[in-house]
Amino acid sequence: MRAIDWISGTADRPGHIRLLDQSLLPQSESVVDIDTVDDLIDAIARLAVRGAPALGVAGALGVALAVQNLEPAAADDAIAKLRVARPTAVNLALGVDIASAARPDGTESVLAAALAVRDDDIAASTAMAKNGAALLEELLEAPAAASARLMTICNTGALAAVERGTALGVVEEMHRAGRLQRAIALETRPLLQGSRLTAWELQKMGAPFDLIVDSAAASILAAGGADAVLVGADRIAANGDTANKIGTFALALAAQYAGTPFIVVAPESTVDRQTASGADIEIEDRGSAEVGQIRGVQLAPEGVSALNPAFDVTPADLITAIITDRRVLRPGRGERPDDSY
């Protein structure tokens, strides 16, 4: 099933959002039906739905839900809360804004705009996968170009989008083409999106892979254990600085040391020309509990304070290439996301 979608209304139930609850994976594949914006915001906060592209779709569909079910003033309030539910990911606010722009034309127009955001995401995922596979063929020398070992962090597959995804979509494309020797997935502390979600997706696609602890990535890269690093992005600044899951910056530093290509894969919608650089990106801190516990099991001493930034910023000069659905940028050549195309 799609990670998130719109279910058309019937005589018994109005149209609503349906999503796969990622907070329960891989132990349980549970579907959640969302009828209110408050429920959607809760699903976003507890990461039942996550990933920049999926959040963009959630934002757009959430506006459709609000306009369908609420009076205009109440819809205004609900939409405003939804827009800031996760501040680092630019796609959430963008999806909200795109659907909101159709409000003067009525409820059906809002829904049509929201569904267009969903369909554009599906098309973008397919384009990024093909662009990424083509770039790897160009960047990697034989035999790696035909049998690549690809490292990735967090979850950037279909779960993070509607279908296919971003960085993991490229891995899937390489696997389909018979060009993937092995994927190397970082576990991704503190919420283990790599071990819970990426490993689950790689198993589903039948791809060969190894799961590693986050702290093993640098030594594996230094030893020549990967041919390229592929990561997603939650926001790409105008100068090419990129916000992504915490640990991405360290991975980029290790890739630079090892001379390994470090590639960011994200839809064009993730480029934020209004944000000049990474220094201007708001980084969400999710509190101490996620660090001290794993799924409610307390590992650290009770009452321990933790810093828990959900994202970090990778400077553009550490990025070999940025792949979107429309282009490939080389920051090392002075190419910037705010350049015209």
C-alpha atoms as a PDB file:
ATOM      1  CA  MET A   1       0.000   0.000   0.000  1.00  0.00           C
ATOM      2  CA  ARG A   2       1.000   3.641  -0.291  1.00  0.00           C
ATOM      3  CA  ALA A   3       2.505   5.213   2.807  1.00  0.00           C
ATOM      4  CA  ILE A   4      -0.187   7.909   2.681  1.00  0.00           C
ATOM      5  CA  ASP A   5      -3.230   8.403   0.465  1.00  0.00           C
ATOM      6  CA  TRP A   6      -6.705   9.920   0.222  1.00  0.00           C
ATOM      7  CA  ILE A   7      -9.745   7.664   0.544  1.00  0.00           C
ATOM      8  CA  SER A   8     -12.764   9.000  -1.328  1.00  0.00           C
ATOM      9  CA  GLY A   9     -15.957   9.626   0.615  1.00  0.00           C
ATOM     10  CA  THR A  10     -18.949   7.291   0.647  1.00  0.00           C
ATOM     11  CA  ALA A  11     -22.497   7.555   1.890  1.00  0.00           C
ATOM     12  CA  ASP A  12     -21.309   6.249   5.246  1.00  0.00           C
ATOM     13  CA  ARG A  13     -18.081   8.204   5.669  1.00  0.00           C
ATOM     14  CA  PRO A  14     -16.609  11.437   4.272  1.00  0.00           C
ATOM     15  CA  GLY A  15     -13.301  11.452   2.438  1.00  0.00           C
ATOM     16  CA  HIS A  16     -10.294  10.986   4.718  1.00  0.00           C
ATOM     17  CA  ILE A  17      -6.582  10.215   4.881  1.00  0.00           C
ATOM     18  CA  ARG A  18      -5.252   6.682   5.208  1.00  0.00           C
ATOM     19  CA  LEU A  19      -1.663   5.985   6.219  1.00  0.00           C
ATOM     20  CA  LEU A  20       0.570   3.131   7.273  1.00  0.00           C
ATOM     21  CA  ASP A  21       1.564   3.725  10.902  1.00  0.00           C
ATOM     22  CA  GLN A  22       5.348   3.729  10.694  1.00  0.00           C
ATOM     23  CA  SER A  23       5.764   4.004  14.445  1.00  0.00           C
ATOM     24  CA  LEU A  24       4.691   0.346  14.717  1.00  0.00           C
ATOM     25  CA  LEU A  25       6.907  -1.103  11.978  1.00  0.00           C
ATOM     26  CA  PRO A  26       8.318  -3.658  11.483  1.00  0.00           C
ATOM     27  CA  GLN A  27       6.429  -5.611  14.151  1.00  0.00           C
ATOM     28  CA  SER A  28       2.995  -4.479  12.984  1.00  0.00           C
ATOM     29  CA  GLU A  29       1.733  -3.288   9.597  1.00  0.00           C
ATOM     30  CA  SER A  30      -1.152  -1.210  10.892  1.00  0.00           C
ATOM     31  CA  VAL A  31      -3.323   1.126   8.821  1.00  0.00           C
ATOM     32  CA  VAL A  32      -4.673   4.324  10.389  1.00  0.00           C
ATOM     33  CA  ASP A  33      -7.619   6.321   9.053  1.00  0.00           C
ATOM     34  CA  ILE A  34      -7.351  10.055   9.779  1.00  0.00           C
ATOM     35  CA  ASP A  35     -10.581  12.055   9.961  1.00  0.00           C
ATOM     36  CA  THR A  36      -9.424  15.266  11.681  1.00  0.00           C
ATOM     37  CA  VAL A  37      -6.494  17.639  11.380  1.00  0.00           C
ATOM     38  CA  ASP A  38      -5.755  17.157  15.082  1.00  0.00           C
ATOM     39  CA  ASP A  39      -5.365  13.426  14.469  1.00  0.00           C
ATOM     40  CA  LEU A  40      -3.083  14.156  11.523  1.00  0.00           C
ATOM     41  CA  ILE A  41      -0.904  16.477  13.600  1.00  0.00           C
ATOM     42  CA  ASP A  42      -0.673  13.763  16.260  1.00  0.00           C
ATOM     43  CA  ALA A  43       0.354  11.225  13.592  1.00  0.00           C
ATOM     44  CA  ILE A  44       3.054  13.620  12.388  1.00  0.00           C
ATOM     45  CA  ALA A  45       4.306  14.308  15.926  1.00  0.00           C
ATOM     46  CA  ARG A  46       4.655  10.617  16.797  1.00  0.00           C
ATOM     47  CA  LEU A  47       6.181   9.846  13.375  1.00  0.00           C
ATOM     48  CA  ALA A  48       3.374   7.613  12.198  1.00  0.00           C
ATOM     49  CA  VAL A  49       3.884   9.538   8.967  1.00  0.00           C
ATOM     50  CA  ARG A  50       7.323  11.032   8.285  1.00  0.00           C
ATOM     51  CA  GLY A  51       9.804  11.827   5.530  1.00  0.00           C
ATOM     52  CA  ALA A  52       9.902  15.146   3.700  1.00  0.00           C
ATOM     53  CA  PRO A  53       7.908  14.123   0.589  1.00  0.00           C
ATOM     54  CA  ALA A  54       5.265  12.273   2.635  1.00  0.00           C
ATOM     55  CA  LEU A  55       4.923  15.275   4.929  1.00  0.00           C
ATOM     56  CA  GLY A  56       4.300  17.488   1.913  1.00  0.00           C
ATOM     57  CA  VAL A  57       1.479  15.191   0.841  1.00  0.00           C
ATOM     58  CA  ALA A  58       0.182  15.062   4.427  1.00  0.00           C
ATOM     59  CA  GLY A  59       0.125  18.863   4.571  1.00  0.00           C
ATOM     60  CA  ALA A  60      -1.846  19.152   1.351  1.00  0.00           C
ATOM     61  CA  LEU A  61      -4.323  16.394   2.247  1.00  0.00           C
ATOM     62  CA  GLY A  62      -4.689  17.873   5.731  1.00  0.00           C
ATOM     63  CA  VAL A  63      -5.880  21.144   4.210  1.00  0.00           C
ATOM     64  CA  ALA A  64      -8.441  19.211   2.169  1.00  0.00           C
ATOM     65  CA  LEU A  65      -9.602  17.508   5.368  1.00  0.00           C
ATOM     66  CA  ALA A  66      -9.914  20.829   7.203  1.00  0.00           C
ATOM     67  CA  VAL A  67     -11.829  22.577   4.428  1.00  0.00           C
ATOM     68  CA  GLN A  68     -14.144  19.606   3.987  1.00  0.00           C
ATOM     69  CA  ASN A  69     -15.038  19.207   7.676  1.00  0.00           C
ATOM     70  CA  LEU A  70     -14.670  22.617   9.381  1.00  0.00           C
ATOM     71  CA  GLU A  71     -16.133  26.076   9.248  1.00  0.00           C
ATOM     72  CA  PRO A  72     -13.757  28.616   7.647  1.00  0.00           C
ATOM     73  CA  ALA A  73     -12.463  30.144  10.912  1.00  0.00           C
ATOM     74  CA  ALA A  74     -11.854  26.729  12.486  1.00  0.00           C
ATOM     75  CA  ALA A  75     -10.216  25.544   9.265  1.00  0.00           C
ATOM     76  CA  ASP A  76      -7.873  28.553   9.397  1.00  0.00           C
ATOM     77  CA  ASP A  77      -6.743  27.606  12.907  1.00  0.00           C
ATOM     78  CA  ALA A  78      -6.301  23.928  12.060  1.00  0.00           C
ATOM     79  CA  ILE A  79      -4.317  24.674   8.911  1.00  0.00           C
ATOM     80  CA  ALA A  80      -2.038  27.088  10.774  1.00  0.00           C
ATOM     81  CA  LYS A  81      -1.233  24.422  13.391  1.00  0.00           C
ATOM     82  CA  LEU A  82      -0.631  21.809  10.731  1.00  0.00           C
ATOM     83  CA  ARG A  83       1.781  24.040   8.816  1.00  0.00           C
ATOM     84  CA  VAL A  84       4.242  24.246  11.740  1.00  0.00           C
ATOM     85  CA  ALA A  85       3.870  20.688  13.063  1.00  0.00           C
ATOM     86  CA  ARG A  86       7.478  19.873  12.025  1.00  0.00           C
ATOM     87  CA  PRO A  87       9.481  23.022  11.356  1.00  0.00           C
ATOM     88  CA  THR A  88      12.631  21.640   9.719  1.00  0.00           C
ATOM     89  CA  ALA A  89      10.927  19.899   6.793  1.00  0.00           C
ATOM     90  CA  VAL A  90      10.026  22.495   4.161  1.00  0.00           C
ATOM     91  CA  ASN A  91       7.682  20.143   2.276  1.00  0.00           C
ATOM     92  CA  LEU A  92       5.046  20.152   5.011  1.00  0.00           C
ATOM     93  CA  ALA A  93       4.529  23.912   4.827  1.00  0.00           C
ATOM     94  CA  LEU A  94       4.762  23.830   1.027  1.00  0.00           C
ATOM     95  CA  GLY A  95       2.043  21.188   0.752  1.00  0.00           C
ATOM     96  CA  VAL A  96      -0.176  23.200   3.073  1.00  0.00           C
ATOM     97  CA  ASP A  97       0.384  26.359   1.037  1.00  0.00           C
ATOM     98  CA  ILE A  98      -0.304  24.725  -2.325  1.00  0.00           C
ATOM     99  CA  ALA A  99      -3.635  23.276  -1.199  1.00  0.00           C
ATOM    100  CA  SER A 100      -4.561  26.447   0.711  1.00  0.00           C
ATOM    101  CA  ALA A 101      -4.120  28.551  -2.416  1.00  0.00           C
ATOM    102  CA  ALA A 102      -7.096  26.720  -3.946  1.00  0.00           C
ATOM    103  CA  ARG A 103      -9.476  27.569  -1.087  1.00  0.00           C
ATOM    104  CA  PRO A 104     -11.171  30.491  -2.881  1.00  0.00           C
ATOM    105  CA  ASP A 105     -12.311  28.037  -5.565  1.00  0.00           C
ATOM    106  CA  GLY A 106     -14.038  25.682  -3.149  1.00  0.00           C
ATOM    107  CA  THR A 107     -13.629  22.323  -1.468  1.00  0.00           C
ATOM    108  CA  GLU A 108     -13.307  20.261  -4.640  1.00  0.00           C
ATOM    109  CA  SER A 109     -10.546  22.502  -5.937  1.00  0.00           C
ATOM    110  CA  VAL A 110      -8.649  22.141  -2.663  1.00  0.00           C
ATOM    111  CA  LEU A 111      -8.878  18.360  -2.889  1.00  0.00           C
ATOM    112  CA  ALA A 112      -7.777  18.428  -6.530  1.00  0.00           C
ATOM    113  CA  ALA A 113      -4.743  20.532  -5.592  1.00  0.00           C
ATOM    114  CA  ALA A 114      -3.892  18.150  -2.741  1.00  0.00           C
ATOM    115  CA  LEU A 115      -4.160  15.100  -4.975  1.00  0.00           C
ATOM    116  CA  ALA A 116      -1.916  16.848  -7.502  1.00  0.00           C
ATOM    117  CA  VAL A 117       0.724  17.194  -4.772  1.00  0.00           C
ATOM    118  CA  ARG A 118       0.430  13.432  -4.185  1.00  0.00           C
ATOM    119  CA  ASP A 119       0.679  12.593  -7.886  1.00  0.00           C
ATOM    120  CA  ASP A 120       3.601  14.978  -8.406  1.00  0.00           C
ATOM    121  CA  ASP A 121       5.433  13.216  -5.587  1.00  0.00           C
ATOM    122  CA  ILE A 122       4.958   9.830  -7.230  1.00  0.00           C
ATOM    123  CA  ALA A 123       6.292  11.169 -10.536  1.00  0.00           C
ATOM    124  CA  ALA A 124       9.211  12.870  -8.773  1.00  0.00           C
ATOM    125  CA  SER A 125      10.231   9.635  -7.052  1.00  0.00           C
ATOM    126  CA  THR A 126      10.420   7.809 -10.366  1.00  0.00           C
ATOM    127  CA  ALA A 127      12.463  10.600 -11.946  1.00  0.00           C
ATOM    128  CA  MET A 128      14.905  10.784  -8.994  1.00  0.00           C
ATOM    129  CA  ALA A 129      15.488   7.041  -9.116  1.00  0.00           C
ATOM    130  CA  LYS A 130      16.416   7.181 -12.791  1.00  0.00           C
ATOM    131  CA  ASN A 131      18.531  10.326 -12.393  1.00  0.00           C
ATOM    132  CA  GLY A 132      20.383   8.779  -9.474  1.00  0.00           C
ATOM    133  CA  ALA A 133      21.135   5.514 -11.247  1.00  0.00           C
ATOM    134  CA  ALA A 134      22.423   7.434 -14.276  1.00  0.00           C
ATOM    135  CA  LEU A 135      24.678   9.597 -12.099  1.00  0.00           C
ATOM    136  CA  LEU A 136      26.150   6.577 -10.333  1.00  0.00           C
ATOM    137  CA  GLU A 137      26.998   5.058 -13.705  1.00  0.00           C
ATOM    138  CA  GLU A 138      28.837   8.285 -14.529  1.00  0.00           C
ATOM    139  CA  LEU A 139      30.611   8.736 -11.180  1.00  0.00           C
ATOM    140  CA  LEU A 140      31.683   5.185 -10.382  1.00  0.00           C
ATOM    141  CA  GLU A 141      34.433   3.329 -12.139  1.00  0.00           C
ATOM    142  CA  ALA A 142      34.248  -0.328 -13.087  1.00  0.00           C
ATOM    143  CA  PRO A 143      33.436  -2.686 -11.486  1.00  0.00           C
ATOM    144  CA  ALA A 144      31.534  -0.504  -8.973  1.00  0.00           C
ATOM    145  CA  ALA A 145      29.364   1.100 -11.664  1.00  0.00           C
ATOM    146  CA  ALA A 146      27.926  -2.328 -12.465  1.00  0.00           C
ATOM    147  CA  SER A 147      27.941  -3.724  -8.928  1.00  0.00           C
ATOM    148  CA  ALA A 148      27.746  -0.918  -6.382  1.00  0.00           C
ATOM    149  CA  ARG A 149      27.863  -0.914  -2.595  1.00  0.00           C
ATOM    150  CA  LEU A 150      25.603   1.926  -1.477  1.00  0.00           C
ATOM    151  CA  MET A 151      25.419   3.330   2.061  1.00  0.00           C
ATOM    152  CA  THR A 152      22.404   5.231   3.375  1.00  0.00           C
ATOM    153  CA  ILE A 153      21.057   6.700   6.616  1.00  0.00           C
ATOM    154  CA  CYS A 154      17.546   6.936   8.069  1.00  0.00           C
ATOM    155  CA  ASN A 155      14.652   5.938   5.810  1.00  0.00           C
ATOM    156  CA  THR A 156      14.232   7.465   2.378  1.00  0.00           C
ATOM    157  CA  GLY A 157      12.143   4.848   0.609  1.00  0.00           C
ATOM    158  CA  ALA A 158       8.467   4.553  -0.211  1.00  0.00           C
ATOM    159  CA  LEU A 159       7.638   4.993   3.476  1.00  0.00           C
ATOM    160  CA  ALA A 160       9.081   8.514   3.333  1.00  0.00           C
ATOM    161  CA  ALA A 161       7.067   9.422   0.247  1.00  0.00           C
ATOM    162  CA  VAL A 162       4.015   7.935  -1.431  1.00  0.00           C
ATOM    163  CA  GLU A 163       5.818   5.443  -3.646  1.00  0.00           C
ATOM    164  CA  ARG A 164       9.528   4.583  -4.174  1.00  0.00           C
ATOM    165  CA  GLY A 165      11.034   7.531  -2.257  1.00  0.00           C
ATOM    166  CA  THR A 166      14.285   9.473  -2.660  1.00  0.00           C
ATOM    167  CA  ALA A 167      17.723   8.018  -1.826  1.00  0.00           C
ATOM    168  CA  LEU A 168      16.387   4.508  -1.238  1.00  0.00           C
ATOM    169  CA  GLY A 169      14.471   4.837  -4.489  1.00  0.00           C
ATOM    170  CA  VAL A 170      17.852   5.091  -6.225  1.00  0.00           C
ATOM    171  CA  VAL A 171      19.010   1.971  -4.377  1.00  0.00           C
ATOM    172  CA  GLU A 172      15.866   0.176  -5.565  1.00  0.00           C
ATOM    173  CA  GLU A 173      16.478   1.331  -9.142  1.00  0.00           C
ATOM    174  CA  MET A 174      20.030  -0.034  -8.991  1.00  0.00           C
ATOM    175  CA  HIS A 175      18.693  -3.316  -7.601  1.00  0.00           C
ATOM    176  CA  ARG A 176      16.107  -3.595 -10.374  1.00  0.00           C
ATOM    177  CA  ALA A 177      18.842  -3.012 -12.951  1.00  0.00           C
ATOM    178  CA  GLY A 178      21.068  -5.705 -11.432  1.00  0.00           C
ATOM    179  CA  ARG A 179      23.665  -3.080 -10.487  1.00  0.00           C
ATOM    180  CA  LEU A 180      23.417  -3.283  -6.682  1.00  0.00           C
ATOM    181  CA  GLN A 181      26.032  -5.448  -4.999  1.00  0.00           C
ATOM    182  CA  ARG A 182      24.891  -4.527  -1.517  1.00  0.00           C
ATOM    183  CA  ALA A 183      23.113  -1.789   0.413  1.00  0.00           C
ATOM    184  CA  ILE A 184      24.538  -0.688   3.767  1.00  0.00           C
ATOM    185  CA  ALA A 185      21.904   0.790   6.053  1.00  0.00           C
ATOM    186  CA  LEU A 186      22.744   2.775   9.183  1.00  0.00           C
ATOM    187  CA  GLU A 187      20.511   1.931  12.149  1.00  0.00           C
ATOM    188  CA  THR A 188      19.811   5.672  12.726  1.00  0.00           C
ATOM    189  CA  ARG A 189      19.575   6.441  16.414  1.00  0.00           C
ATOM    190  CA  PRO A 190      17.645   7.398  18.421  1.00  0.00           C
ATOM    191  CA  LEU A 191      14.457   6.164  16.721  1.00  0.00           C
ATOM    192  CA  LEU A 192      16.088   3.482  14.564  1.00  0.00           C
ATOM    193  CA  GLN A 193      14.448   4.397  11.275  1.00  0.00           C
ATOM    194  CA  GLY A 194      17.227   2.536   9.498  1.00  0.00           C
ATOM    195  CA  SER A 195      16.871  -0.733  11.355  1.00  0.00           C
ATOM    196  CA  ARG A 196      13.079  -0.580  11.661  1.00  0.00           C
ATOM    197  CA  LEU A 197      12.043   0.931   8.332  1.00  0.00           C
ATOM    198  CA  THR A 198      14.861   0.810   5.778  1.00  0.00           C
ATOM    199  CA  ALA A 199      15.721  -2.795   6.605  1.00  0.00           C
ATOM    200  CA  TRP A 200      12.014  -3.648   6.293  1.00  0.00           C
ATOM    201  CA  GLU A 201      11.824  -1.982   2.872  1.00  0.00           C
ATOM    202  CA  LEU A 202      15.035  -3.583   1.630  1.00  0.00           C
ATOM    203  CA  GLN A 203      13.702  -6.984   2.651  1.00  0.00           C
ATOM    204  CA  LYS A 204      10.439  -6.278   0.849  1.00  0.00           C
ATOM    205  CA  MET A 205      12.287  -5.430  -2.374  1.00  0.00           C
ATOM    206  CA  GLY A 206      14.571  -8.467  -2.050  1.00  0.00           C
ATOM    207  CA  ALA A 207      17.732  -6.380  -2.119  1.00  0.00           C
ATOM    208  CA  PRO A 208      20.983  -7.645  -0.540  1.00  0.00           C
ATOM    209  CA  PHE A 209      21.943  -5.479   2.427  1.00  0.00           C
ATOM    210  CA  ASP A 210      23.724  -5.183   5.743  1.00  0.00           C
ATOM    211  CA  LEU A 211      22.546  -3.195   8.745  1.00  0.00           C
ATOM    212  CA  ILE A 212      25.246  -1.368  10.729  1.00  0.00           C
ATOM    213  CA  VAL A 213      25.365   0.704  13.890  1.00  0.00           C
ATOM    214  CA  ASP A 214      25.783   4.406  13.182  1.00  0.00           C
ATOM    215  CA  SER A 215      29.265   4.560  14.682  1.00  0.00           C
ATOM    216  CA  ALA A 216      30.564   1.904  12.255  1.00  0.00           C
ATOM    217  CA  ALA A 217      29.933   4.011   9.151  1.00  0.00           C
ATOM    218  CA  ALA A 218      33.146   6.055   9.243  1.00  0.00           C
ATOM    219  CA  SER A 219      35.449   3.049   9.617  1.00  0.00           C
ATOM    220  CA  ILE A 220      33.629   1.141   6.865  1.00  0.00           C
ATOM    221  CA  LEU A 221      33.979   4.110   4.509  1.00  0.00           C
ATOM    222  CA  ALA A 222      37.646   4.626   5.422  1.00  0.00           C
ATOM    223  CA  ALA A 223      38.316   0.969   4.632  1.00  0.00           C
ATOM    224  CA  GLY A 224      36.745   1.315   1.192  1.00  0.00           C
ATOM    225  CA  GLY A 225      33.638  -0.607   2.155  1.00  0.00           C
ATOM    226  CA  ALA A 226      31.162   1.518   0.170  1.00  0.00           C
ATOM    227  CA  ASP A 227      31.234   3.019  -3.314  1.00  0.00           C
ATOM    228  CA  ALA A 228      28.813   5.900  -2.650  1.00  0.00           C
ATOM    229  CA  VAL A 229      26.684   7.401   0.112  1.00  0.00           C
ATOM    230  CA  LEU A 230      23.076   8.295  -0.713  1.00  0.00           C
ATOM    231  CA  VAL A 231      21.008  10.431   1.670  1.00  0.00           C
ATOM    232  CA  GLY A 232      17.735  12.318   1.606  1.00  0.00           C
ATOM    233  CA  ALA A 233      16.987  15.879   2.679  1.00  0.00           C
ATOM    234  CA  ASP A 234      14.315  17.690   4.653  1.00  0.00           C
ATOM    235  CA  ARG A 235      15.359  21.127   3.413  1.00  0.00           C
ATOM    236  CA  ILE A 236      17.940  22.301   0.888  1.00  0.00           C
ATOM    237  CA  ALA A 237      19.022  25.914   1.324  1.00  0.00           C
ATOM    238  CA  ALA A 238      19.625  28.246  -1.601  1.00  0.00           C
ATOM    239  CA  ASN A 239      23.403  27.821  -1.272  1.00  0.00           C
ATOM    240  CA  GLY A 240      23.215  24.010  -1.273  1.00  0.00           C
ATOM    241  CA  ASP A 241      23.533  23.396   2.476  1.00  0.00           C
ATOM    242  CA  THR A 242      21.273  20.486   3.353  1.00  0.00           C
ATOM    243  CA  ALA A 243      19.318  19.539   6.471  1.00  0.00           C
ATOM    244  CA  ASN A 244      18.758  15.828   6.985  1.00  0.00           C
ATOM    245  CA  LYS A 245      18.518  13.224   9.753  1.00  0.00           C
ATOM    246  CA  ILE A 246      20.994  13.705  12.594  1.00  0.00           C
ATOM    247  CA  GLY A 247      24.203  11.858  11.741  1.00  0.00           C
ATOM    248  CA  THR A 248      24.210  12.892   8.083  1.00  0.00           C
ATOM    249  CA  PHE A 249      26.859  15.584   8.647  1.00  0.00           C
ATOM    250  CA  ALA A 250      29.200  13.050  10.277  1.00  0.00           C
ATOM    251  CA  LEU A 251      28.581  10.672   7.375  1.00  0.00           C
ATOM    252  CA  ALA A 252      29.506  13.429   4.907  1.00  0.00           C
ATOM    253  CA  LEU A 253      32.742  14.149   6.759  1.00  0.00           C
ATOM    254  CA  ALA A 254      33.649  10.465   6.721  1.00  0.00           C
ATOM    255  CA  ALA A 255      32.823  10.213   3.008  1.00  0.00           C
ATOM    256  CA  GLN A 256      35.065  13.190   2.257  1.00  0.00           C
ATOM    257  CA  TYR A 257      37.940  11.583   4.175  1.00  0.00           C
ATOM    258  CA  ALA A 258      37.442   8.327   2.292  1.00  0.00           C
ATOM    259  CA  GLY A 259      37.048   9.992  -1.111  1.00  0.00           C
ATOM    260  CA  THR A 260      33.595   8.444  -1.475  1.00  0.00           C
ATOM    261  CA  PRO A 261      30.878  10.302  -3.440  1.00  0.00           C
ATOM    262  CA  PHE A 262      28.271  11.816  -1.108  1.00  0.00           C
ATOM    263  CA  ILE A 263      24.970  12.314  -2.916  1.00  0.00           C
ATOM    264  CA  VAL A 264      21.800  14.037  -1.715  1.00  0.00           C
ATOM    265  CA  VAL A 265      18.533  12.883  -3.308  1.00  0.00           C
ATOM    266  CA  ALA A 266      15.420  15.014  -2.804  1.00  0.00           C
ATOM    267  CA  PRO A 267      12.571  16.389  -4.914  1.00  0.00           C
ATOM    268  CA  GLU A 268      12.808  19.898  -6.315  1.00  0.00           C
ATOM    269  CA  SER A 269      10.096  20.861  -3.820  1.00  0.00           C
ATOM    270  CA  THR A 270      12.618  20.396  -0.989  1.00  0.00           C
ATOM    271  CA  VAL A 271      14.750  23.264  -2.332  1.00  0.00           C
ATOM    272  CA  ASP A 272      13.943  26.357  -0.253  1.00  0.00           C
ATOM    273  CA  ARG A 273      15.144  29.469  -2.041  1.00  0.00           C
ATOM    274  CA  GLN A 274      13.920  31.600   0.850  1.00  0.00           C
ATOM    275  CA  THR A 275      16.489  30.010   3.170  1.00  0.00           C
ATOM    276  CA  ALA A 276      19.884  31.437   2.308  1.00  0.00           C
ATOM    277  CA  SER A 277      22.072  28.843   4.047  1.00  0.00           C
ATOM    278  CA  GLY A 278      22.049  26.011   6.554  1.00  0.00           C
ATOM    279  CA  ALA A 279      22.583  28.498   9.370  1.00  0.00           C
ATOM    280  CA  ASP A 280      19.031  29.734   8.759  1.00  0.00           C
ATOM    281  CA  ILE A 281      17.369  26.317   9.063  1.00  0.00           C
ATOM    282  CA  GLU A 282      15.439  25.713  12.285  1.00  0.00           C
ATOM    283  CA  ILE A 283      16.515  22.392  13.797  1.00  0.00           C
ATOM    284  CA  GLU A 284      13.838  20.528  15.727  1.00  0.00           C
ATOM    285  CA  ASP A 285      14.802  19.100  19.142  1.00  0.00           C
ATOM    286  CA  ARG A 286      12.536  16.221  20.107  1.00  0.00           C
ATOM    287  CA  GLY A 287      13.348  16.090  23.825  1.00  0.00           C
ATOM    288  CA  SER A 288      15.095  13.707  26.179  1.00  0.00           C
ATOM    289  CA  ALA A 289      12.735  10.726  26.231  1.00  0.00           C
ATOM    290  CA  GLU A 290      13.660   9.411  22.761  1.00  0.00           C
ATOM    291  CA  VAL A 291      17.340   9.255  23.732  1.00  0.00           C
ATOM    292  CA  GLY A 292      16.887   7.707  27.175  1.00  0.00           C
ATOM    293  CA  GLN A 293      14.297   5.158  26.068  1.00  0.00           C
ATOM    294  CA  ILE A 294      13.634   2.751  23.226  1.00  0.00           C
ATOM    295  CA  ARG A 295       9.907   2.165  22.739  1.00  0.00           C
ATOM    296  CA  GLY A 296       9.154   2.936  26.358  1.00  0.00           C
ATOM    297  CA  VAL A 297      11.982   0.850  27.827  1.00  0.00           C
ATOM    298  CA  GLN A 298      14.181   3.095  29.969  1.00  0.00           C
ATOM    299  CA  LEU A 299      17.868   2.575  29.177  1.00  0.00           C
ATOM    300  CA  ALA A 300      19.435   5.679  30.711  1.00  0.00           C
ATOM    301  CA  PRO A 301      19.024   6.593  34.399  1.00  0.00           C
ATOM    302  CA  GLU A 302      15.690   8.212  35.145  1.00  0.00           C
ATOM    303  CA  GLY A 303      15.714  11.977  34.855  1.00  0.00           C
ATOM    304  CA  VAL A 304      18.766  12.204  32.588  1.00  0.00           C
ATOM    305  CA  SER A 305      18.687  15.282  30.354  1.00  0.00           C
ATOM    306  CA  ALA A 306      19.560  14.712  26.693  1.00  0.00           C
ATOM    307  CA  LEU A 307      20.123  16.860  23.652  1.00  0.00           C
ATOM    308  CA  ASN A 308      18.073  15.405  20.827  1.00  0.00           C
ATOM    309  CA  PRO A 309      18.346  17.389  17.587  1.00  0.00           C
ATOM    310  CA  ALA A 310      16.377  15.483  14.966  1.00  0.00           C
ATOM    311  CA  PHE A 311      18.423  16.906  12.089  1.00  0.00           C
ATOM    312  CA  ASP A 312      21.821  18.345  11.257  1.00  0.00           C
ATOM    313  CA  VAL A 313      23.119  20.482   8.398  1.00  0.00           C
ATOM    314  CA  THR A 314      25.657  19.272   5.848  1.00  0.00           C
ATOM    315  CA  PRO A 315      27.561  22.142   4.175  1.00  0.00           C
ATOM    316  CA  ALA A 316      27.353  22.257   0.386  1.00  0.00           C
ATOM    317  CA  ASP A 317      31.107  21.815  -0.041  1.00  0.00           C
ATOM    318  CA  LEU A 318      30.843  18.280   1.375  1.00  0.00           C
ATOM    319  CA  ILE A 319      28.192  17.270  -1.171  1.00  0.00           C
ATOM    320  CA  THR A 320      29.282  15.643  -4.430  1.00  0.00           C
ATOM    321  CA  ALA A 321      25.893  16.047  -6.101  1.00  0.00           C
ATOM    322  CA  ILE A 322      22.295  16.968  -5.387  1.00  0.00           C
ATOM    323  CA  ILE A 323      19.804  14.931  -7.400  1.00  0.00           C
ATOM    324  CA  THR A 324      16.249  16.155  -7.835  1.00  0.00           C
ATOM    325  CA  ASP A 325      13.485  15.028 -10.138  1.00  0.00           C
ATOM    326  CA  ARG A 326      14.477  17.785 -12.586  1.00  0.00           C
ATOM    327  CA  ARG A 327      18.270  18.133 -12.470  1.00  0.00           C
ATOM    328  CA  VAL A 328      21.628  17.122 -11.052  1.00  0.00           C
ATOM    329  CA  LEU A 329      23.643  19.830  -9.275  1.00  0.00           C
ATOM    330  CA  ARG A 330      27.360  19.681  -8.519  1.00  0.00           C
ATOM    331  CA  PRO A 331      28.096  22.048  -5.595  1.00  0.00           C
ATOM    332  CA  GLY A 332      31.830  21.456  -6.101  1.00  0.00           C
ATOM    333  CA  ARG A 333      31.513  23.093  -9.504  1.00  0.00           C
ATOM    334  CA  GLY A 334      29.789  26.126  -8.037  1.00  0.00           C
ATOM    335  CA  GLU A 335      26.299  25.003  -9.017  1.00  0.00           C
ATOM    336  CA  ARG A 336      23.667  26.181  -6.541  1.00  0.00           C
ATOM    337  CA  PRO A 337      20.042  25.138  -5.999  1.00  0.00           C
ATOM    338  CA  ASP A 338      18.903  28.736  -6.533  1.00  0.00           C
ATOM    339  CA  ASP A 339      20.393  28.753 -10.039  1.00  0.00           C
ATOM    340  CA  SER A 340      17.817  28.809 -12.836  1.00  0.00           C
ATOM    341  CA  TYR A 341      17.171  25.607 -14.775  1.00  0.00           C
END
